[in-house]
Amino acid sequence: MDPMFTGIIEALGEIRSLNSGVLVLGLDRPLGPDPVSIGESIAVNGCCLTVVNLESGVSARELTFDLSPETVARTSFSQFAPGHHVNLERAMRADGRFGGHVVQGHVDTTGEVVSVTPAGNSTIIRFRVPEGSGRYLIDKGSISIDGISLTVVEPTEREFDTWIIPYTIVNTNLGERVPGDRVNLEFDAIARYVERLLQAGGSVGSV
């Protein structure tokens, strides 16, 4: 069974190195109460990756992941450098609380930050999606942006807003985003499955 995520970020990781398809992250605190294991799946900026090595220290833990050429080509990892922060979420446990929406950790494409605008105690971040992807944007629907479960607000053909509360700004890497930045996007899985069914000439009904 494939791992599943919910888009609720548990910690931030700092890129220590990214060379030859090997990503090393440093954590300033443990990623949850249970120890991370080699072979475990973790969503890194919304991309499901497998831990291939780990090292513990006095105040930090290093996690190592292998990145395939396909992963680098379909995500924003190629633009990252040491010191950048990434959002981390461990795969959901069968007895876990479901807090966001269904996130598979399969990045569909990358988008672009258009603007970042303060609005009272919140921040409005506007994003642009590639041409042809706007059909997946549903007002008040869900989307995963760099692994964060967010709500689509007033979408147009290629752009949409998200309203970000202070907690999310502080506890994810959204507070570091500026216009022009690339982000990983995973559209709502239900919308994609319905589209695939309709394209195949299927119908939805009861038995």
Protein backbone atom coordinates (compact mmCIF):
# COMPACT_ATOMS: atom_id res chain seq x y z
CA MET A 1 0.00 0.00 0.00
CA ASP A 2 1.36 3.40 -0.94
CA PRO A 3 2.04 5.82 1.94
CA MET A 4 -0.46 8.60 2.47
CA PHE A 5 -0.03 12.10 3.85
CA THR A 6 -2.44 14.81 4.99
CA GLY A 7 -0.61 18.06 4.26
CA ILE A 8 -0.11 18.92 7.94
CA ILE A 9 3.57 19.88 8.30
CA GLU A 10 5.36 18.37 11.29
CA ALA A 11 8.77 20.04 11.08
CA LEU A 12 11.15 22.02 8.91
CA GLY A 13 14.36 20.58 7.56
CA GLU A 14 17.41 22.56 6.44
CA ILE A 15 19.23 21.43 3.33
CA ARG A 16 22.80 20.51 4.28
CA SER A 17 23.78 19.34 0.80
CA LEU A 18 22.22 18.43 -2.55
CA ASN A 19 24.69 16.81 -4.91
CA SER A 20 24.55 14.05 -7.54
CA GLY A 21 21.00 13.12 -6.63
CA VAL A 22 21.67 12.84 -2.90
CA LEU A 23 19.76 15.16 -0.53
CA VAL A 24 20.92 15.58 3.08
CA LEU A 25 18.67 17.41 5.53
CA GLY A 26 19.36 18.61 9.04
CA LEU A 27 16.63 18.77 11.71
CA ASP A 28 16.89 20.89 14.82
CA ARG A 29 14.42 18.62 16.66
CA PRO A 30 13.11 15.04 16.32
CA LEU A 31 10.46 14.51 13.65
CA GLY A 32 7.67 13.35 15.95
CA PRO A 33 7.77 11.16 19.08
CA ASP A 34 8.83 7.96 17.29
CA PRO A 35 12.35 7.54 15.86
CA VAL A 36 12.72 7.79 12.09
CA SER A 37 13.82 4.54 10.43
CA ILE A 38 15.80 3.80 7.28
CA GLY A 39 13.32 2.90 4.54
CA GLU A 40 10.62 5.16 5.94
CA SER A 41 8.64 7.43 3.61
CA ILE A 42 8.67 11.16 4.32
CA ALA A 43 7.06 13.94 2.30
CA VAL A 44 9.76 16.54 1.63
CA ASN A 45 8.13 19.68 0.26
CA GLY A 46 5.26 17.45 -0.77
CA CYS A 47 7.39 14.86 -2.56
CA CYS A 48 7.37 11.34 -1.10
CA LEU A 49 10.99 10.29 -0.53
CA THR A 50 12.61 7.30 1.18
CA VAL A 51 15.10 7.69 4.01
CA VAL A 52 18.29 5.89 2.96
CA ASN A 53 20.56 6.98 5.81
CA LEU A 54 20.32 8.84 9.09
CA GLU A 55 22.65 10.13 11.74
CA SER A 56 21.84 11.38 15.22
CA GLY A 57 23.74 14.04 17.07
CA VAL A 58 23.48 15.92 20.34
CA SER A 59 21.09 18.56 18.98
CA ALA A 60 20.32 17.50 15.42
CA ARG A 61 19.46 14.61 13.17
CA GLU A 62 20.52 14.24 9.56
CA LEU A 63 18.33 12.44 7.05
CA THR A 64 19.58 11.35 3.63
CA PHE A 65 17.41 10.74 0.57
CA ASP A 66 18.16 9.67 -2.99
CA LEU A 67 16.59 11.78 -5.75
CA SER A 68 15.96 10.17 -9.13
CA PRO A 69 16.34 12.26 -12.32
CA GLU A 70 12.53 12.07 -12.70
CA THR A 71 12.04 13.55 -9.23
CA VAL A 72 14.46 16.41 -9.91
CA ALA A 73 12.82 17.12 -13.29
CA ARG A 74 9.25 17.26 -11.91
CA THR A 75 9.93 19.23 -8.73
CA SER A 76 11.56 22.42 -7.53
CA PHE A 77 14.50 20.59 -5.89
CA SER A 78 16.88 21.64 -8.66
CA GLN A 79 16.54 25.26 -7.47
CA PHE A 80 17.41 24.54 -3.86
CA ALA A 81 20.75 25.14 -2.19
CA PRO A 82 22.27 24.53 1.25
CA GLY A 83 20.48 26.62 3.87
CA HIS A 84 17.05 26.44 2.23
CA HIS A 85 14.23 25.05 4.35
CA VAL A 86 11.81 22.30 3.33
CA ASN A 87 8.51 21.13 4.82
CA LEU A 88 8.45 17.63 6.32
CA GLU A 89 5.61 15.24 7.05
CA ARG A 90 5.89 11.57 7.96
CA ALA A 91 3.50 9.09 6.36
CA MET A 92 0.17 8.87 8.15
CA ARG A 93 -0.30 5.99 10.58
CA ALA A 94 -3.41 3.83 10.28
CA ASP A 95 -4.59 5.06 13.70
CA GLY A 96 -3.62 8.70 13.07
CA ARG A 97 -5.86 11.76 13.03
CA PHE A 98 -6.76 12.99 9.53
CA GLY A 99 -6.20 16.76 9.71
CA GLY A 100 -5.82 18.00 6.13
CA HIS A 101 -6.76 16.26 2.87
CA VAL A 102 -5.56 13.21 0.95
CA VAL A 103 -1.99 13.91 -0.21
CA GLN A 104 -0.17 11.15 -2.06
CA GLY A 105 3.26 12.75 -2.20
CA HIS A 106 3.23 12.59 -6.01
CA VAL A 107 4.08 16.05 -7.30
CA ASP A 108 2.04 16.88 -10.42
CA THR A 109 3.94 19.96 -11.49
CA THR A 110 5.56 23.13 -10.19
CA GLY A 111 3.90 26.53 -9.81
CA GLU A 112 5.15 30.05 -9.28
CA VAL A 113 4.62 32.57 -6.49
CA VAL A 114 3.00 35.64 -8.06
CA SER A 115 2.62 37.92 -5.04
CA VAL A 116 2.79 37.99 -1.25
CA THR A 117 0.40 40.49 0.37
CA PRO A 118 -0.19 41.17 4.09
CA ALA A 119 -3.90 41.23 4.96
CA GLY A 120 -4.62 42.01 8.60
CA ASN A 121 -3.26 39.13 10.69
CA SER A 122 -2.99 36.91 7.60
CA THR A 123 -0.97 36.78 4.40
CA ILE A 124 -2.40 36.34 0.90
CA ILE A 125 -0.07 34.40 -1.38
CA ARG A 126 -1.04 34.22 -5.04
CA PHE A 127 0.20 31.35 -7.19
CA ARG A 128 0.30 30.64 -10.92
CA VAL A 129 -0.04 27.13 -12.35
CA PRO A 130 1.16 25.89 -15.75
CA GLU A 131 -1.14 26.25 -18.74
CA GLY A 132 -3.80 23.55 -18.79
CA SER A 133 -3.70 22.93 -15.04
CA GLY A 134 -6.37 25.46 -14.12
CA ARG A 135 -9.10 22.82 -14.53
CA TYR A 136 -8.01 21.32 -11.22
CA LEU A 137 -8.51 24.59 -9.32
CA ILE A 138 -11.86 24.61 -7.52
CA ASP A 139 -12.89 27.51 -5.32
CA LYS A 140 -12.67 26.37 -1.67
CA GLY A 141 -11.14 23.10 -2.88
CA SER A 142 -7.90 21.61 -1.58
CA ILE A 143 -4.40 21.74 -3.01
CA SER A 144 -0.99 20.70 -1.71
CA ILE A 145 1.67 23.40 -2.06
CA ASP A 146 5.15 22.26 -1.03
CA GLY A 147 3.36 19.57 0.95
CA ILE A 148 1.04 21.98 2.82
CA SER A 149 -2.71 21.37 2.66
CA LEU A 150 -4.19 24.70 1.59
CA THR A 151 -7.52 26.02 0.31
CA VAL A 152 -7.91 27.45 -3.20
CA VAL A 153 -9.52 30.91 -3.16
CA GLU A 154 -11.07 32.63 -6.20
CA PRO A 155 -9.20 30.76 -8.95
CA THR A 156 -8.89 32.11 -12.46
CA GLU A 157 -7.69 30.18 -15.50
CA ARG A 158 -4.13 29.96 -14.21
CA GLU A 159 -3.94 31.76 -10.85
CA PHE A 160 -5.43 31.50 -7.39
CA ASP A 161 -5.04 32.95 -3.90
CA THR A 162 -4.37 31.26 -0.58
CA TRP A 163 -4.97 32.90 2.78
CA ILE A 164 -2.21 31.95 5.21
CA ILE A 165 -2.62 32.30 8.97
CA PRO A 166 0.34 33.30 11.20
CA TYR A 167 0.77 29.75 12.55
CA THR A 168 1.35 28.40 9.04
CA ILE A 169 3.78 31.21 8.18
CA VAL A 170 5.87 30.42 11.25
CA ASN A 171 5.76 26.63 11.06
CA THR A 172 6.33 26.11 7.31
CA ASN A 173 8.63 27.59 4.69
CA LEU A 174 5.86 29.81 3.27
CA GLY A 175 7.22 32.69 5.33
CA GLU A 176 10.36 32.60 3.15
CA ARG A 177 8.54 32.65 -0.18
CA VAL A 178 8.93 35.64 -2.53
CA PRO A 179 7.52 36.34 -6.02
CA GLY A 180 9.20 34.20 -8.65
CA ASP A 181 9.85 31.23 -6.34
CA ARG A 182 8.88 27.79 -7.66
CA VAL A 183 6.73 25.49 -5.52
CA ASN A 184 5.69 21.84 -5.78
CA LEU A 185 2.00 21.31 -6.55
CA GLU A 186 -0.17 18.26 -6.05
CA PHE A 187 -3.76 18.75 -7.16
CA ASP A 188 -6.67 17.16 -5.33
CA ALA A 189 -6.59 13.40 -5.95
CA ILE A 190 -10.37 13.09 -6.20
CA ALA A 191 -10.51 15.65 -9.03
CA ARG A 192 -7.81 13.78 -10.94
CA TYR A 193 -9.50 10.39 -10.52
CA VAL A 194 -12.86 11.77 -11.68
CA GLU A 195 -11.21 13.33 -14.73
CA ARG A 196 -9.50 10.03 -15.58
CA LEU A 197 -12.77 8.12 -15.24
CA LEU A 198 -14.62 10.54 -17.49
CA GLN A 199 -11.85 10.46 -20.09
CA ALA A 200 -12.13 6.67 -20.16
CA GLY A 201 -15.86 6.94 -20.81
CA GLY A 202 -16.85 5.66 -17.38
CA SER A 203 -19.69 6.78 -15.21
CA VAL A 204 -20.28 7.16 -11.50
CA GLY A 205 -23.24 5.30 -10.04
CA SER A 206 -24.43 2.85 -7.44
CA VAL A 207 -24.75 -0.91 -7.62
